[in-house]
């Protein structure tokens, strides 16, 4: 089952992702999925084996700064879809 995911990225990153997807004759969604698969294959990236939900991406905590209004929007989305 496929679901939608909304990401907020700098326009430059979006342009680059679209260019890479076009060069590889695929979609940005497929690139993202491939990246996650590769991330999981890295040491410590298999969250199913450890049972810890943050094991695969725990090193990203604090790497991104939320945009203004992010917390309010997250709360709204969680209420709607949670």
N, C-alpha and C. Protein backbone atom coordinates (compact mmCIF):
# COMPACT_ATOMS: atom_id res chain seq x y z
N UNK A 1 0.84 -1.18 0.00
CA UNK A 1 0.00 0.00 0.00
C UNK A 1 0.89 1.24 0.00
N UNK A 2 0.60 2.17 -0.86
CA UNK A 2 1.36 3.40 -0.93
C UNK A 2 0.61 4.51 -0.21
N UNK A 3 1.37 5.39 0.42
CA UNK A 3 0.81 6.55 1.11
C UNK A 3 1.61 7.77 0.71
N UNK A 4 1.01 8.93 0.87
CA UNK A 4 1.69 10.18 0.56
C UNK A 4 2.51 10.64 1.74
N UNK A 5 3.61 11.34 1.44
CA UNK A 5 4.48 11.92 2.44
C UNK A 5 4.83 13.32 1.98
N UNK A 6 4.69 14.28 2.86
CA UNK A 6 5.03 15.66 2.53
C UNK A 6 6.33 16.03 3.24
N UNK A 7 7.29 16.53 2.47
CA UNK A 7 8.57 16.97 3.02
C UNK A 7 8.76 18.45 2.72
N UNK A 8 9.40 19.14 3.62
CA UNK A 8 9.78 20.53 3.39
C UNK A 8 11.28 20.58 3.21
N UNK A 9 11.72 20.92 2.01
CA UNK A 9 13.14 20.95 1.67
C UNK A 9 13.46 22.27 0.98
N UNK A 10 14.73 22.68 1.03
CA UNK A 10 15.13 23.86 0.27
C UNK A 10 14.87 23.61 -1.22
N UNK A 11 14.50 24.66 -1.94
CA UNK A 11 14.20 24.53 -3.36
C UNK A 11 15.37 23.94 -4.13
N UNK A 12 16.59 24.26 -3.73
CA UNK A 12 17.77 23.72 -4.40
C UNK A 12 17.80 22.20 -4.28
N UNK A 13 17.49 21.67 -3.11
CA UNK A 13 17.47 20.22 -2.91
C UNK A 13 16.40 19.56 -3.76
N UNK A 14 15.25 20.21 -3.86
CA UNK A 14 14.17 19.67 -4.69
C UNK A 14 14.58 19.65 -6.16
N UNK A 15 15.18 20.74 -6.63
CA UNK A 15 15.65 20.78 -8.03
C UNK A 15 16.66 19.68 -8.29
N UNK A 16 17.61 19.52 -7.36
CA UNK A 16 18.65 18.49 -7.52
C UNK A 16 18.04 17.09 -7.53
N UNK A 17 17.09 16.84 -6.65
CA UNK A 17 16.44 15.52 -6.60
C UNK A 17 15.71 15.24 -7.91
N UNK A 18 15.03 16.25 -8.43
CA UNK A 18 14.32 16.07 -9.71
C UNK A 18 15.29 15.82 -10.86
N UNK A 19 16.44 16.53 -10.85
CA UNK A 19 17.44 16.32 -11.89
C UNK A 19 18.01 14.90 -11.83
N UNK A 20 18.32 14.44 -10.62
CA UNK A 20 18.87 13.09 -10.46
C UNK A 20 17.84 12.06 -10.90
N UNK A 21 16.59 12.25 -10.51
CA UNK A 21 15.54 11.31 -10.90
C UNK A 21 15.39 11.28 -12.42
N UNK A 22 15.44 12.43 -13.05
CA UNK A 22 15.33 12.49 -14.51
C UNK A 22 16.50 11.77 -15.17
N UNK A 23 17.72 12.00 -14.67
CA UNK A 23 18.90 11.34 -15.25
C UNK A 23 18.80 9.82 -15.11
N UNK A 24 18.22 9.37 -14.00
CA UNK A 24 18.10 7.92 -13.75
C UNK A 24 16.81 7.34 -14.29
N UNK A 25 16.02 8.20 -14.94
CA UNK A 25 14.74 7.80 -15.51
C UNK A 25 13.84 7.13 -14.47
N UNK A 26 13.68 7.81 -13.36
CA UNK A 26 12.84 7.32 -12.27
C UNK A 26 12.13 8.51 -11.64
N UNK A 27 11.54 8.32 -10.50
CA UNK A 27 10.82 9.38 -9.80
C UNK A 27 11.57 9.77 -8.53
N UNK A 28 11.23 10.93 -7.99
CA UNK A 28 11.81 11.37 -6.73
C UNK A 28 11.39 10.40 -5.62
N UNK A 29 10.16 9.92 -5.67
CA UNK A 29 9.70 8.95 -4.67
C UNK A 29 10.54 7.68 -4.72
N UNK A 30 10.84 7.20 -5.92
CA UNK A 30 11.65 5.99 -6.05
C UNK A 30 13.07 6.23 -5.53
N UNK A 31 13.61 7.44 -5.77
CA UNK A 31 14.93 7.78 -5.24
C UNK A 31 14.93 7.75 -3.72
N UNK A 32 13.90 8.32 -3.13
CA UNK A 32 13.79 8.35 -1.67
C UNK A 32 13.70 6.93 -1.12
N UNK A 33 12.88 6.09 -1.76
CA UNK A 33 12.74 4.71 -1.31
C UNK A 33 14.07 3.96 -1.42
N UNK A 34 14.79 4.17 -2.51
CA UNK A 34 16.10 3.54 -2.69
C UNK A 34 17.06 4.01 -1.60
N UNK A 35 17.02 5.30 -1.29
CA UNK A 35 17.90 5.84 -0.24
C UNK A 35 17.61 5.19 1.11
N UNK A 36 16.33 5.01 1.43
CA UNK A 36 15.97 4.35 2.69
C UNK A 36 16.46 2.90 2.70
N UNK A 37 16.29 2.21 1.57
CA UNK A 37 16.77 0.82 1.49
C UNK A 37 18.27 0.75 1.71
N UNK A 38 19.01 1.68 1.10
CA UNK A 38 20.46 1.70 1.27
C UNK A 38 20.82 2.05 2.70
N UNK A 39 20.08 2.98 3.31
CA UNK A 39 20.32 3.38 4.70
C UNK A 39 20.15 2.18 5.62
N UNK A 40 19.08 1.39 5.37
CA UNK A 40 18.81 0.22 6.21
C UNK A 40 19.90 -0.83 6.10
N UNK A 41 20.57 -0.88 4.95
CA UNK A 41 21.61 -1.89 4.76
C UNK A 41 22.94 -1.49 5.42
N UNK A 42 23.03 -0.26 5.88
CA UNK A 42 24.24 0.20 6.57
C UNK A 42 24.27 -0.38 7.98
N UNK A 43 25.46 -0.54 8.56
CA UNK A 43 25.53 -1.04 9.93
C UNK A 43 24.67 -0.19 10.87
N UNK A 44 23.84 -0.85 11.66
CA UNK A 44 22.97 -0.14 12.59
C UNK A 44 21.70 0.37 11.96
N UNK A 45 21.50 0.11 10.66
CA UNK A 45 20.34 0.63 9.97
C UNK A 45 19.15 -0.30 9.96
N UNK A 46 19.30 -1.53 10.43
CA UNK A 46 18.20 -2.49 10.42
C UNK A 46 17.38 -2.35 11.69
N UNK A 47 16.30 -1.57 11.62
CA UNK A 47 15.49 -1.31 12.81
C UNK A 47 14.72 -2.54 13.25
N UNK A 48 14.39 -3.43 12.31
CA UNK A 48 13.61 -4.63 12.67
C UNK A 48 14.43 -5.56 13.56
N UNK A 49 15.72 -5.65 13.32
CA UNK A 49 16.58 -6.56 14.08
C UNK A 49 16.73 -6.10 15.53
N UNK A 50 16.84 -4.81 15.73
CA UNK A 50 17.09 -4.31 17.09
C UNK A 50 15.81 -4.05 17.86
N UNK A 51 14.71 -3.79 17.13
CA UNK A 51 13.45 -3.47 17.79
C UNK A 51 13.39 -2.05 18.29
N UNK A 52 14.44 -1.28 18.08
CA UNK A 52 14.44 0.12 18.50
C UNK A 52 14.03 0.99 17.32
N UNK A 53 12.96 1.78 17.45
CA UNK A 53 12.45 2.54 16.31
C UNK A 53 13.41 3.60 15.79
N UNK A 54 14.32 4.11 16.59
CA UNK A 54 15.20 5.18 16.13
C UNK A 54 16.56 4.66 15.68
N UNK A 55 16.75 3.36 15.64
CA UNK A 55 18.04 2.78 15.33
C UNK A 55 18.53 3.16 13.93
N UNK A 56 17.65 3.15 12.94
CA UNK A 56 18.05 3.40 11.57
C UNK A 56 18.42 4.85 11.29
N UNK A 57 17.75 5.79 11.95
CA UNK A 57 17.98 7.19 11.65
C UNK A 57 18.27 7.99 12.91
N UNK A 58 18.65 7.32 13.97
CA UNK A 58 18.91 8.00 15.23
C UNK A 58 19.99 9.06 15.15
N UNK A 59 20.94 8.87 14.21
CA UNK A 59 22.01 9.85 14.08
C UNK A 59 21.54 11.14 13.43
N UNK A 60 20.30 11.17 12.92
CA UNK A 60 19.77 12.39 12.32
C UNK A 60 19.11 13.31 13.34
N UNK A 61 18.87 12.80 14.54
CA UNK A 61 18.20 13.61 15.55
C UNK A 61 19.03 14.88 15.80
N UNK A 62 18.39 15.99 15.65
CA UNK A 62 19.05 17.27 15.84
C UNK A 62 19.75 17.80 14.59
N UNK A 63 19.75 17.01 13.52
CA UNK A 63 20.44 17.45 12.30
C UNK A 63 19.61 18.45 11.51
N UNK A 64 18.31 18.42 11.70
CA UNK A 64 17.43 19.32 10.96
C UNK A 64 16.75 20.27 11.92
N UNK A 65 16.65 21.51 11.52
CA UNK A 65 15.96 22.49 12.33
C UNK A 65 14.55 22.67 11.79
N UNK A 66 13.53 22.55 12.63
CA UNK A 66 12.16 22.73 12.13
C UNK A 66 11.93 24.16 11.67
N UNK A 67 11.09 24.30 10.68
CA UNK A 67 10.72 25.62 10.19
C UNK A 67 9.69 26.23 11.12
N UNK A 68 9.52 27.52 11.02
CA UNK A 68 8.52 28.20 11.84
C UNK A 68 7.16 27.59 11.57
N UNK A 69 6.42 27.32 12.61
CA UNK A 69 5.10 26.74 12.48
C UNK A 69 5.11 25.23 12.31
N UNK A 70 6.26 24.62 12.32
CA UNK A 70 6.36 23.18 12.10
C UNK A 70 5.64 22.39 13.19
N UNK A 71 5.85 22.76 14.45
CA UNK A 71 5.22 22.02 15.54
C UNK A 71 3.70 22.09 15.47
N UNK A 72 3.17 23.26 15.16
CA UNK A 72 1.71 23.40 15.06
C UNK A 72 1.18 22.55 13.90
N UNK A 73 1.88 22.55 12.79
CA UNK A 73 1.45 21.76 11.63
C UNK A 73 1.55 20.27 11.94
N UNK A 74 2.61 19.86 12.62
CA UNK A 74 2.76 18.45 12.99
C UNK A 74 1.61 18.01 13.89
N UNK A 75 1.25 18.85 14.83
CA UNK A 75 0.14 18.53 15.72
C UNK A 75 -1.15 18.40 14.94
N UNK A 76 -1.36 19.30 14.00
CA UNK A 76 -2.57 19.26 13.18
C UNK A 76 -2.60 17.98 12.33
N UNK A 77 -1.50 17.61 11.76
CA UNK A 77 -1.43 16.40 10.93
C UNK A 77 -1.63 15.15 11.77
N UNK A 78 -1.03 15.12 12.95
CA UNK A 78 -1.19 13.97 13.85
C UNK A 78 -2.66 13.81 14.25
N UNK A 79 -3.34 14.93 14.53
CA UNK A 79 -4.75 14.87 14.90
C UNK A 79 -5.58 14.33 13.75
N UNK A 80 -5.26 14.79 12.56
CA UNK A 80 -6.03 14.41 11.38
C UNK A 80 -5.82 12.95 11.00
N UNK A 81 -4.57 12.47 11.08
CA UNK A 81 -4.23 11.15 10.57
C UNK A 81 -3.88 10.14 11.66
N UNK A 82 -3.83 10.61 12.89
CA UNK A 82 -3.32 9.78 13.97
C UNK A 82 -4.29 8.85 14.55
